[in-house]
Amino acid sequence: AVEHRWRKKLIALYSTILNDLKMIPEDNVYRMNTENIYREFLRIVSNVGDTDWRIVERKIGLGQVEQLIFIAMDERELVQNYAEWKLWLIPVETVREICDETAIDTFAYDAGAPQPYLS
């Protein structure tokens, strides 16, 4: 279905995601990456008019604006769960037990993560 209020919804969702990320430590890689992504998305959506959905779809490159709304709703839920569950506190050894090495390489444990959570 066509979403006629796509711009208003995306601005609200992107703003909520950015606000909710404040519940996660500033040096957390997931927070830093997600903030960068959604700041850019918010900038793109904020700088177009209500009829410029084609520009947004092209610049963001993740599908139609209706799909962007669903993606943002999922991200909002993920941010809230990540903060509630304090996933940044899970030791990397535990992650290794439940993930294969490929997943660990792409997980939020990198050189910028706090040392106690690296091995």
N, C-alpha and C. Protein backbone atom coordinates (compact mmCIF):
# COMPACT_ATOMS: atom_id res chain seq x y z
N ALA A 1 0.84 -1.19 0.00
CA ALA A 1 0.00 0.00 0.00
C ALA A 1 0.88 1.25 0.00
N VAL A 2 0.43 2.25 -0.65
CA VAL A 2 1.16 3.50 -0.72
C VAL A 2 1.01 4.24 0.61
N GLU A 3 2.13 4.70 1.15
CA GLU A 3 2.12 5.43 2.41
C GLU A 3 2.23 6.92 2.09
N HIS A 4 1.15 7.65 2.28
CA HIS A 4 1.12 9.06 1.92
C HIS A 4 1.85 9.94 2.93
N ARG A 5 1.98 9.47 4.15
CA ARG A 5 2.67 10.25 5.20
C ARG A 5 4.07 9.69 5.46
N TRP A 6 4.70 9.17 4.42
CA TRP A 6 5.99 8.50 4.54
C TRP A 6 7.06 9.39 5.16
N ARG A 7 7.11 10.64 4.74
CA ARG A 7 8.17 11.55 5.23
C ARG A 7 8.03 11.81 6.72
N LYS A 8 6.83 12.11 7.16
CA LYS A 8 6.57 12.37 8.58
C LYS A 8 6.91 11.12 9.41
N LYS A 9 6.51 9.95 8.91
CA LYS A 9 6.78 8.70 9.64
C LYS A 9 8.28 8.41 9.72
N LEU A 10 8.98 8.59 8.60
CA LEU A 10 10.41 8.32 8.62
C LEU A 10 11.16 9.28 9.53
N ILE A 11 10.80 10.54 9.50
CA ILE A 11 11.46 11.51 10.39
C ILE A 11 11.22 11.14 11.84
N ALA A 12 10.01 10.76 12.18
CA ALA A 12 9.70 10.36 13.56
C ALA A 12 10.47 9.10 13.95
N LEU A 13 10.48 8.11 13.08
CA LEU A 13 11.19 6.86 13.38
C LEU A 13 12.69 7.08 13.51
N TYR A 14 13.28 7.81 12.55
CA TYR A 14 14.72 8.05 12.60
C TYR A 14 15.09 8.85 13.84
N SER A 15 14.28 9.82 14.21
CA SER A 15 14.54 10.61 15.42
C SER A 15 14.44 9.75 16.67
N THR A 16 13.45 8.86 16.71
CA THR A 16 13.31 7.96 17.85
C THR A 16 14.50 7.03 17.97
N ILE A 17 14.95 6.47 16.86
CA ILE A 17 16.11 5.58 16.88
C ILE A 17 17.32 6.33 17.43
N LEU A 18 17.57 7.53 16.92
CA LEU A 18 18.73 8.30 17.39
C LEU A 18 18.61 8.64 18.87
N ASN A 19 17.43 8.94 19.33
CA ASN A 19 17.23 9.22 20.75
C ASN A 19 17.43 7.96 21.59
N ASP A 20 16.87 6.84 21.16
CA ASP A 20 16.98 5.60 21.91
C ASP A 20 18.42 5.08 21.97
N LEU A 21 19.21 5.39 20.96
CA LEU A 21 20.61 4.95 20.97
C LEU A 21 21.39 5.55 22.14
N LYS A 22 20.90 6.63 22.71
CA LYS A 22 21.56 7.27 23.85
C LYS A 22 21.56 6.37 25.08
N MET A 23 20.74 5.30 25.07
CA MET A 23 20.72 4.35 26.18
C MET A 23 21.90 3.38 26.13
N ILE A 24 22.63 3.39 25.03
CA ILE A 24 23.75 2.49 24.80
C ILE A 24 25.04 3.29 24.97
N PRO A 25 26.08 2.71 25.57
CA PRO A 25 27.33 3.46 25.77
C PRO A 25 27.85 4.09 24.48
N GLU A 26 28.39 5.31 24.61
CA GLU A 26 28.85 6.08 23.46
C GLU A 26 29.94 5.37 22.66
N ASP A 27 30.77 4.56 23.31
CA ASP A 27 31.88 3.91 22.61
C ASP A 27 31.50 2.55 22.02
N ASN A 28 30.23 2.20 22.10
CA ASN A 28 29.76 0.93 21.54
C ASN A 28 29.71 1.02 20.02
N VAL A 29 30.29 0.02 19.36
CA VAL A 29 30.39 0.02 17.91
C VAL A 29 29.01 0.01 17.25
N TYR A 30 28.09 -0.79 17.77
CA TYR A 30 26.73 -0.82 17.20
C TYR A 30 26.11 0.57 17.27
N ARG A 31 26.24 1.23 18.43
CA ARG A 31 25.67 2.58 18.57
C ARG A 31 26.31 3.54 17.57
N MET A 32 27.63 3.53 17.50
CA MET A 32 28.32 4.47 16.61
C MET A 32 27.91 4.26 15.15
N ASN A 33 27.89 3.02 14.71
CA ASN A 33 27.53 2.73 13.32
C ASN A 33 26.07 3.09 13.03
N THR A 34 25.18 2.73 13.95
CA THR A 34 23.76 2.98 13.75
C THR A 34 23.47 4.48 13.78
N GLU A 35 24.14 5.20 14.67
CA GLU A 35 23.97 6.66 14.70
C GLU A 35 24.40 7.28 13.37
N ASN A 36 25.52 6.85 12.85
CA ASN A 36 26.00 7.41 11.57
C ASN A 36 25.00 7.15 10.46
N ILE A 37 24.50 5.94 10.40
CA ILE A 37 23.54 5.58 9.35
C ILE A 37 22.26 6.39 9.47
N TYR A 38 21.67 6.41 10.66
CA TYR A 38 20.37 7.07 10.80
C TYR A 38 20.45 8.58 10.83
N ARG A 39 21.59 9.16 11.21
CA ARG A 39 21.77 10.60 11.05
C ARG A 39 21.72 10.97 9.56
N GLU A 40 22.41 10.15 8.76
CA GLU A 40 22.42 10.41 7.31
C GLU A 40 21.02 10.22 6.72
N PHE A 41 20.33 9.16 7.11
CA PHE A 41 18.97 8.93 6.62
C PHE A 41 18.06 10.09 7.01
N LEU A 42 18.17 10.55 8.25
CA LEU A 42 17.34 11.67 8.71
C LEU A 42 17.67 12.93 7.92
N ARG A 43 18.94 13.17 7.65
CA ARG A 43 19.34 14.33 6.86
C ARG A 43 18.71 14.27 5.47
N ILE A 44 18.78 13.10 4.85
CA ILE A 44 18.22 12.93 3.50
C ILE A 44 16.73 13.22 3.50
N VAL A 45 16.00 12.59 4.43
CA VAL A 45 14.54 12.73 4.47
C VAL A 45 14.13 14.16 4.85
N SER A 46 14.89 14.78 5.75
CA SER A 46 14.55 16.13 6.20
C SER A 46 14.76 17.18 5.12
N ASN A 47 15.63 16.89 4.16
CA ASN A 47 15.98 17.88 3.15
C ASN A 47 15.23 17.72 1.83
N VAL A 48 14.14 16.98 1.86
CA VAL A 48 13.31 16.83 0.65
C VAL A 48 11.87 17.19 1.01
N GLY A 49 11.08 17.38 -0.02
CA GLY A 49 9.66 17.67 0.18
C GLY A 49 8.84 16.40 0.28
N ASP A 50 7.58 16.56 0.60
CA ASP A 50 6.67 15.43 0.77
C ASP A 50 6.45 14.61 -0.49
N THR A 51 6.74 15.19 -1.64
CA THR A 51 6.53 14.46 -2.90
C THR A 51 7.83 13.92 -3.50
N ASP A 52 8.93 14.06 -2.79
CA ASP A 52 10.24 13.66 -3.31
C ASP A 52 10.67 12.25 -2.88
N TRP A 53 9.72 11.35 -2.81
CA TRP A 53 10.02 9.99 -2.35
C TRP A 53 11.02 9.28 -3.25
N ARG A 54 11.03 9.57 -4.52
CA ARG A 54 11.98 8.92 -5.44
C ARG A 54 13.42 9.28 -5.09
N ILE A 55 13.63 10.52 -4.70
CA ILE A 55 14.97 10.98 -4.30
C ILE A 55 15.42 10.20 -3.07
N VAL A 56 14.54 10.08 -2.09
CA VAL A 56 14.87 9.36 -0.86
C VAL A 56 15.18 7.90 -1.16
N GLU A 57 14.35 7.27 -1.96
CA GLU A 57 14.58 5.85 -2.30
C GLU A 57 15.91 5.66 -3.00
N ARG A 58 16.26 6.58 -3.90
CA ARG A 58 17.52 6.47 -4.63
C ARG A 58 18.72 6.73 -3.72
N LYS A 59 18.64 7.75 -2.88
CA LYS A 59 19.78 8.11 -2.02
C LYS A 59 20.01 7.09 -0.92
N ILE A 60 18.96 6.59 -0.31
CA ILE A 60 19.12 5.60 0.77
C ILE A 60 19.41 4.23 0.17
N GLY A 61 18.74 3.89 -0.91
CA GLY A 61 19.06 2.67 -1.63
C GLY A 61 18.67 1.36 -0.97
N LEU A 62 17.66 1.40 -0.14
CA LEU A 62 17.21 0.17 0.55
C LEU A 62 15.77 -0.20 0.21
N GLY A 63 15.26 0.34 -0.87
CA GLY A 63 13.89 0.00 -1.27
C GLY A 63 12.98 1.20 -1.27
N GLN A 64 11.69 0.91 -1.36
CA GLN A 64 10.67 1.95 -1.39
C GLN A 64 10.49 2.54 0.00
N VAL A 65 9.90 3.74 0.06
CA VAL A 65 9.73 4.40 1.35
C VAL A 65 8.92 3.55 2.32
N GLU A 66 7.98 2.78 1.79
CA GLU A 66 7.19 1.90 2.67
C GLU A 66 8.10 0.84 3.31
N GLN A 67 9.06 0.34 2.53
CA GLN A 67 10.02 -0.61 3.07
C GLN A 67 10.95 0.06 4.08
N LEU A 68 11.32 1.29 3.81
CA LEU A 68 12.17 2.03 4.75
C LEU A 68 11.48 2.20 6.10
N ILE A 69 10.19 2.37 6.08
CA ILE A 69 9.43 2.48 7.33
C ILE A 69 9.52 1.17 8.11
N PHE A 70 9.33 0.04 7.43
CA PHE A 70 9.43 -1.25 8.11
C PHE A 70 10.84 -1.50 8.63
N ILE A 71 11.84 -1.15 7.86
CA ILE A 71 13.23 -1.31 8.30
C ILE A 71 13.48 -0.48 9.56
N ALA A 72 13.01 0.75 9.55
CA ALA A 72 13.20 1.64 10.71
C ALA A 72 12.45 1.12 11.93
N MET A 73 11.26 0.57 11.73
CA MET A 73 10.50 0.01 12.87
C MET A 73 11.27 -1.16 13.48
N ASP A 74 11.85 -2.00 12.63
CA ASP A 74 12.65 -3.13 13.12
C ASP A 74 13.90 -2.65 13.85
N GLU A 75 14.56 -1.62 13.30
CA GLU A 75 15.76 -1.09 13.94
C GLU A 75 15.43 -0.48 15.29
N ARG A 76 14.30 0.23 15.35
CA ARG A 76 13.88 0.82 16.63
C ARG A 76 13.71 -0.26 17.69
N GLU A 77 13.06 -1.36 17.31
CA GLU A 77 12.88 -2.47 18.25
C GLU A 77 14.22 -3.09 18.64
N LEU A 78 15.11 -3.24 17.68
CA LEU A 78 16.43 -3.79 17.97
C LEU A 78 17.20 -2.90 18.94
N VAL A 79 17.18 -1.60 18.73
CA VAL A 79 17.88 -0.67 19.62
C VAL A 79 17.32 -0.79 21.04
N GLN A 80 16.01 -0.84 21.16
CA GLN A 80 15.39 -0.95 22.49
C GLN A 80 15.76 -2.26 23.16
N ASN A 81 15.76 -3.36 22.42
CA ASN A 81 16.15 -4.65 22.99
C ASN A 81 17.63 -4.68 23.34
N TYR A 82 18.46 -4.15 22.47
CA TYR A 82 19.90 -4.10 22.71
C TYR A 82 20.19 -3.37 24.02
N ALA A 83 19.51 -2.24 24.21
CA ALA A 83 19.70 -1.46 25.44
C ALA A 83 19.14 -2.19 26.66
N GLU A 84 17.95 -2.75 26.53
CA GLU A 84 17.32 -3.45 27.65
C GLU A 84 18.15 -4.65 28.08
N TRP A 85 18.67 -5.39 27.11
CA TRP A 85 19.43 -6.61 27.41
C TRP A 85 20.91 -6.34 27.69
N LYS A 86 21.33 -5.08 27.51
CA LYS A 86 22.73 -4.68 27.74
C LYS A 86 23.70 -5.61 27.01
N LEU A 87 23.45 -5.78 25.73
CA LEU A 87 24.24 -6.72 24.95
C LEU A 87 25.72 -6.39 24.87
N TRP A 88 26.10 -5.15 25.13
CA TRP A 88 27.50 -4.77 25.11
C TRP A 88 28.28 -5.40 26.26
N LEU A 89 27.56 -5.95 27.23
CA LEU A 89 28.22 -6.58 28.38
C LEU A 89 28.52 -8.06 28.18
N ILE A 90 28.05 -8.63 27.07
CA ILE A 90 28.27 -10.06 26.83
C ILE A 90 29.73 -10.27 26.44
N PRO A 91 30.45 -11.11 27.18
CA PRO A 91 31.85 -11.38 26.85
C PRO A 91 31.97 -12.06 25.49
N VAL A 92 33.04 -11.78 24.79
CA VAL A 92 33.24 -12.33 23.45
C VAL A 92 33.28 -13.86 23.48
N GLU A 93 33.71 -14.46 24.58
CA GLU A 93 33.73 -15.93 24.69
C GLU A 93 32.31 -16.50 24.56
N THR A 94 31.36 -15.82 25.16
CA THR A 94 29.97 -16.26 25.07
C THR A 94 29.47 -16.12 23.63
N VAL A 95 29.84 -15.05 22.99
CA VAL A 95 29.44 -14.86 21.60
C VAL A 95 30.02 -15.98 20.74
N ARG A 96 31.27 -16.34 21.00
CA ARG A 96 31.91 -17.42 20.23
C ARG A 96 31.18 -18.75 20.41
N GLU A 97 30.62 -18.98 21.57
CA GLU A 97 29.90 -20.23 21.82
C GLU A 97 28.61 -20.33 21.01
N ILE A 98 28.02 -19.20 20.69
CA ILE A 98 26.73 -19.24 20.00
C ILE A 98 26.78 -18.78 18.54
N CYS A 99 27.92 -18.28 18.10
CA CYS A 99 28.05 -17.79 16.73
C CYS A 99 29.23 -18.49 16.04
N ASP A 100 29.14 -18.58 14.73
CA ASP A 100 30.29 -19.08 14.00
C ASP A 100 31.28 -17.92 13.81
N GLU A 101 32.48 -18.22 13.37
CA GLU A 101 33.53 -17.21 13.24
C GLU A 101 33.14 -16.08 12.28
N THR A 102 32.41 -16.38 11.22
CA THR A 102 31.99 -15.34 10.28
C THR A 102 31.11 -14.32 10.98
N ALA A 103 30.19 -14.79 11.80
CA ALA A 103 29.30 -13.87 12.52
C ALA A 103 30.09 -13.03 13.50
N ILE A 104 31.07 -13.63 14.16
CA ILE A 104 31.87 -12.88 15.12
C ILE A 104 32.63 -11.77 14.43
N ASP A 105 33.16 -12.05 13.24
CA ASP A 105 33.90 -11.02 12.50
C ASP A 105 33.03 -9.81 12.19
N THR A 106 31.75 -10.01 11.99
CA THR A 106 30.86 -8.90 11.65
C THR A 106 30.11 -8.37 12.87
N PHE A 107 30.29 -9.01 14.02
CA PHE A 107 29.62 -8.59 15.24
C PHE A 107 30.24 -7.30 15.74
N ALA A 108 29.70 -6.71 16.77
CA ALA A 108 30.14 -5.41 17.26
C ALA A 108 31.42 -5.47 18.08
N TYR A 109 32.19 -6.51 17.96
CA TYR A 109 33.45 -6.61 18.68
C TYR A 109 34.58 -6.33 17.70
N ASP A 110 35.16 -5.16 17.81
CA ASP A 110 36.29 -4.83 16.96
C ASP A 110 37.30 -4.05 17.77
N ALA A 111 38.25 -3.44 17.13
CA ALA A 111 39.31 -2.74 17.84
C ALA A 111 38.79 -1.61 18.71
N GLY A 112 37.59 -1.10 18.42
CA GLY A 112 37.05 -0.02 19.21
C GLY A 112 36.26 -0.47 20.43
N ALA A 113 36.10 -1.79 20.59
CA ALA A 113 35.33 -2.30 21.73
C ALA A 113 36.19 -2.26 22.98
N PRO A 114 35.55 -2.16 24.15
CA PRO A 114 36.31 -2.16 25.41
C PRO A 114 37.14 -3.44 25.54
N GLN A 115 38.36 -3.30 26.02
CA GLN A 115 39.29 -4.42 26.10
C GLN A 115 38.78 -5.64 26.86
N PRO A 116 38.04 -5.52 27.96
CA PRO A 116 37.58 -6.73 28.65
C PRO A 116 36.72 -7.64 27.78
N TYR A 117 36.18 -7.11 26.68
CA TYR A 117 35.30 -7.90 25.85
C TYR A 117 35.99 -8.40 24.60
N LEU A 118 37.30 -8.23 24.53
CA LEU A 118 38.09 -8.75 23.41
C LEU A 118 39.04 -9.81 23.92
N SER A 119 39.38 -10.72 23.05
CA SER A 119 40.40 -11.70 23.44
C SER A 119 41.40 -11.88 22.32
